Amino acid sequence: MPKGTKRKLKEQTFVLQAVIRYAIEQATYSILLKQTWPEENSRIAYGKELVLKGCRNKDIIGTYDTVDEVKLRIKTDRDFMKGLSELVRRFLS
């Protein structure tokens, strides 16, 4: 994806949509019931944590056989992970 292009949830694969939706759910719960959205310098790390948590969700793992590949890419491709984190943040802004 060209730099500066915003990702759109509906344009992602089904497994990524499931992981992102799970991350949005977790962030919504966390923000509403526990804390506020993290400071700017912590948002990418927080988004990565939520997206990786989605990759560990048993329902998602049981549904999609490519979750391990997604998890590896998130861990190794900073731009990819940053884009997914941005998707989570946009839904909560």
C-alpha atoms as a PDB file:
ATOM      1  CA  MET A   1       0.000   0.000   0.000  1.00  0.00           C
ATOM      2  CA  PRO A   2       1.478   3.397  -0.937  1.00  0.00           C
ATOM      3  CA  LYS A   3       2.715   5.473   1.966  1.00  0.00           C
ATOM      4  CA  GLY A   4       0.137   7.935   3.245  1.00  0.00           C
ATOM      5  CA  THR A   5      -2.799   5.885   1.947  1.00  0.00           C
ATOM      6  CA  LYS A   6      -5.344   5.155   4.663  1.00  0.00           C
ATOM      7  CA  ARG A   7      -6.488   1.588   5.091  1.00  0.00           C
ATOM      8  CA  LYS A   8     -10.204   0.853   5.093  1.00  0.00           C
ATOM      9  CA  LEU A   9     -11.681  -1.936   7.159  1.00  0.00           C
ATOM     10  CA  LYS A  10     -13.931  -3.275   4.395  1.00  0.00           C
ATOM     11  CA  GLU A  11     -10.945  -3.544   2.037  1.00  0.00           C
ATOM     12  CA  GLN A  12      -9.076  -5.914   4.373  1.00  0.00           C
ATOM     13  CA  THR A  13      -9.236  -9.698   4.254  1.00  0.00           C
ATOM     14  CA  PHE A  14     -11.850 -11.388   6.428  1.00  0.00           C
ATOM     15  CA  VAL A  15      -9.238 -12.441   8.979  1.00  0.00           C
ATOM     16  CA  LEU A  16      -7.949  -8.873   9.312  1.00  0.00           C
ATOM     17  CA  GLN A  17     -11.502  -7.562   9.613  1.00  0.00           C
ATOM     18  CA  ALA A  18     -12.137 -10.024  12.448  1.00  0.00           C
ATOM     19  CA  VAL A  19      -8.901  -9.103  14.232  1.00  0.00           C
ATOM     20  CA  ILE A  20      -9.544  -5.355  13.869  1.00  0.00           C
ATOM     21  CA  ARG A  21     -13.159  -5.654  15.028  1.00  0.00           C
ATOM     22  CA  TYR A  22     -11.970  -7.590  18.067  1.00  0.00           C
ATOM     23  CA  ALA A  23      -9.369  -4.893  18.786  1.00  0.00           C
ATOM     24  CA  ILE A  24     -12.029  -2.179  18.459  1.00  0.00           C
ATOM     25  CA  GLU A  25     -14.256  -4.084  20.904  1.00  0.00           C
ATOM     26  CA  GLN A  26     -11.409  -4.372  23.396  1.00  0.00           C
ATOM     27  CA  ALA A  27     -10.450  -0.711  23.047  1.00  0.00           C
ATOM     28  CA  THR A  28     -14.061   0.404  23.441  1.00  0.00           C
ATOM     29  CA  TYR A  29     -14.445  -1.642  26.604  1.00  0.00           C
ATOM     30  CA  SER A  30     -11.133  -0.395  27.966  1.00  0.00           C
ATOM     31  CA  ILE A  31     -11.776   3.265  27.174  1.00  0.00           C
ATOM     32  CA  LEU A  32     -15.340   3.343  28.464  1.00  0.00           C
ATOM     33  CA  LEU A  33     -14.888   1.289  31.615  1.00  0.00           C
ATOM     34  CA  LYS A  34     -11.244   1.483  32.624  1.00  0.00           C
ATOM     35  CA  GLN A  35      -9.218   4.346  31.217  1.00  0.00           C
ATOM     36  CA  THR A  36      -9.027   6.961  28.505  1.00  0.00           C
ATOM     37  CA  TRP A  37      -7.388   6.553  25.098  1.00  0.00           C
ATOM     38  CA  PRO A  38      -3.595   6.473  25.583  1.00  0.00           C
ATOM     39  CA  GLU A  39      -1.432   9.503  24.989  1.00  0.00           C
ATOM     40  CA  GLU A  40      -0.257  10.082  21.411  1.00  0.00           C
ATOM     41  CA  ASN A  41       3.158   8.461  21.930  1.00  0.00           C
ATOM     42  CA  SER A  42       1.565   5.272  23.319  1.00  0.00           C
ATOM     43  CA  ARG A  43      -1.207   4.792  20.758  1.00  0.00           C
ATOM     44  CA  ILE A  44       0.720   2.689  18.266  1.00  0.00           C
ATOM     45  CA  ALA A  45       1.956   0.334  20.989  1.00  0.00           C
ATOM     46  CA  TYR A  46      -1.569   0.136  22.446  1.00  0.00           C
ATOM     47  CA  GLY A  47      -3.047  -0.551  19.008  1.00  0.00           C
ATOM     48  CA  LYS A  48      -0.448  -3.247  18.354  1.00  0.00           C
ATOM     49  CA  GLU A  49      -1.247  -4.858  21.701  1.00  0.00           C
ATOM     50  CA  LEU A  50      -4.969  -4.921  20.876  1.00  0.00           C
ATOM     51  CA  VAL A  51      -4.442  -6.281  17.355  1.00  0.00           C
ATOM     52  CA  LEU A  52      -2.136  -9.031  18.655  1.00  0.00           C
ATOM     53  CA  LYS A  53      -4.727  -9.827  21.317  1.00  0.00           C
ATOM     54  CA  GLY A  54      -7.188 -10.327  18.467  1.00  0.00           C
ATOM     55  CA  CYS A  55      -4.723 -12.772  16.889  1.00  0.00           C
ATOM     56  CA  ARG A  56      -4.825 -14.797  20.124  1.00  0.00           C
ATOM     57  CA  ASN A  57      -8.634 -14.907  20.307  1.00  0.00           C
ATOM     58  CA  LYS A  58      -9.761 -18.556  20.160  1.00  0.00           C
ATOM     59  CA  ASP A  59     -12.817 -17.819  18.025  1.00  0.00           C
ATOM     60  CA  ILE A  60     -10.733 -16.008  15.408  1.00  0.00           C
ATOM     61  CA  ILE A  61      -8.017 -18.685  15.453  1.00  0.00           C
ATOM     62  CA  GLY A  62     -10.690 -21.375  15.059  1.00  0.00           C
ATOM     63  CA  THR A  63     -12.280 -19.598  12.108  1.00  0.00           C
ATOM     64  CA  TYR A  64      -9.250 -18.494  10.093  1.00  0.00           C
ATOM     65  CA  ASP A  65      -6.200 -20.609   9.330  1.00  0.00           C
ATOM     66  CA  THR A  66      -3.994 -17.624   8.459  1.00  0.00           C
ATOM     67  CA  VAL A  67      -3.925 -15.949  11.894  1.00  0.00           C
ATOM     68  CA  ASP A  68      -0.314 -17.014  12.537  1.00  0.00           C
ATOM     69  CA  GLU A  69       0.757 -15.363   9.271  1.00  0.00           C
ATOM     70  CA  VAL A  70      -1.064 -12.164  10.262  1.00  0.00           C
ATOM     71  CA  LYS A  71       0.562 -12.213  13.707  1.00  0.00           C
ATOM     72  CA  LEU A  72       4.022 -12.646  12.181  1.00  0.00           C
ATOM     73  CA  ARG A  73       3.451  -9.781   9.748  1.00  0.00           C
ATOM     74  CA  ILE A  74       2.235  -7.515  12.552  1.00  0.00           C
ATOM     75  CA  LYS A  75       5.375  -8.278  14.518  1.00  0.00           C
ATOM     76  CA  THR A  76       7.758  -7.746  11.588  1.00  0.00           C
ATOM     77  CA  ASP A  77       6.142  -5.080   9.362  1.00  0.00           C
ATOM     78  CA  ARG A  78       5.902  -1.792  11.262  1.00  0.00           C
ATOM     79  CA  ASP A  79       3.968   0.025   8.514  1.00  0.00           C
ATOM     80  CA  PHE A  80       1.397  -2.781   8.311  1.00  0.00           C
ATOM     81  CA  MET A  81       0.978  -2.816  12.095  1.00  0.00           C
ATOM     82  CA  LYS A  82       0.761   0.976  12.204  1.00  0.00           C
ATOM     83  CA  GLY A  83      -1.964   0.919   9.541  1.00  0.00           C
ATOM     84  CA  LEU A  84      -3.999  -1.647  11.458  1.00  0.00           C
ATOM     85  CA  SER A  85      -3.570   0.325  14.689  1.00  0.00           C
ATOM     86  CA  GLU A  86      -4.778   3.416  12.840  1.00  0.00           C
ATOM     87  CA  LEU A  87      -7.922   1.540  11.772  1.00  0.00           C
ATOM     88  CA  VAL A  88      -8.692   0.803  15.420  1.00  0.00           C
ATOM     89  CA  ARG A  89      -8.048   4.419  16.441  1.00  0.00           C
ATOM     90  CA  ARG A  90     -10.238   5.880  13.676  1.00  0.00           C
ATOM     91  CA  PHE A  91     -13.242   3.849  14.770  1.00  0.00           C
ATOM     92  CA  LEU A  92     -12.878   5.200  18.295  1.00  0.00           C
ATOM     93  CA  SER A  93     -12.276   8.838  17.449  1.00  0.00           C
END
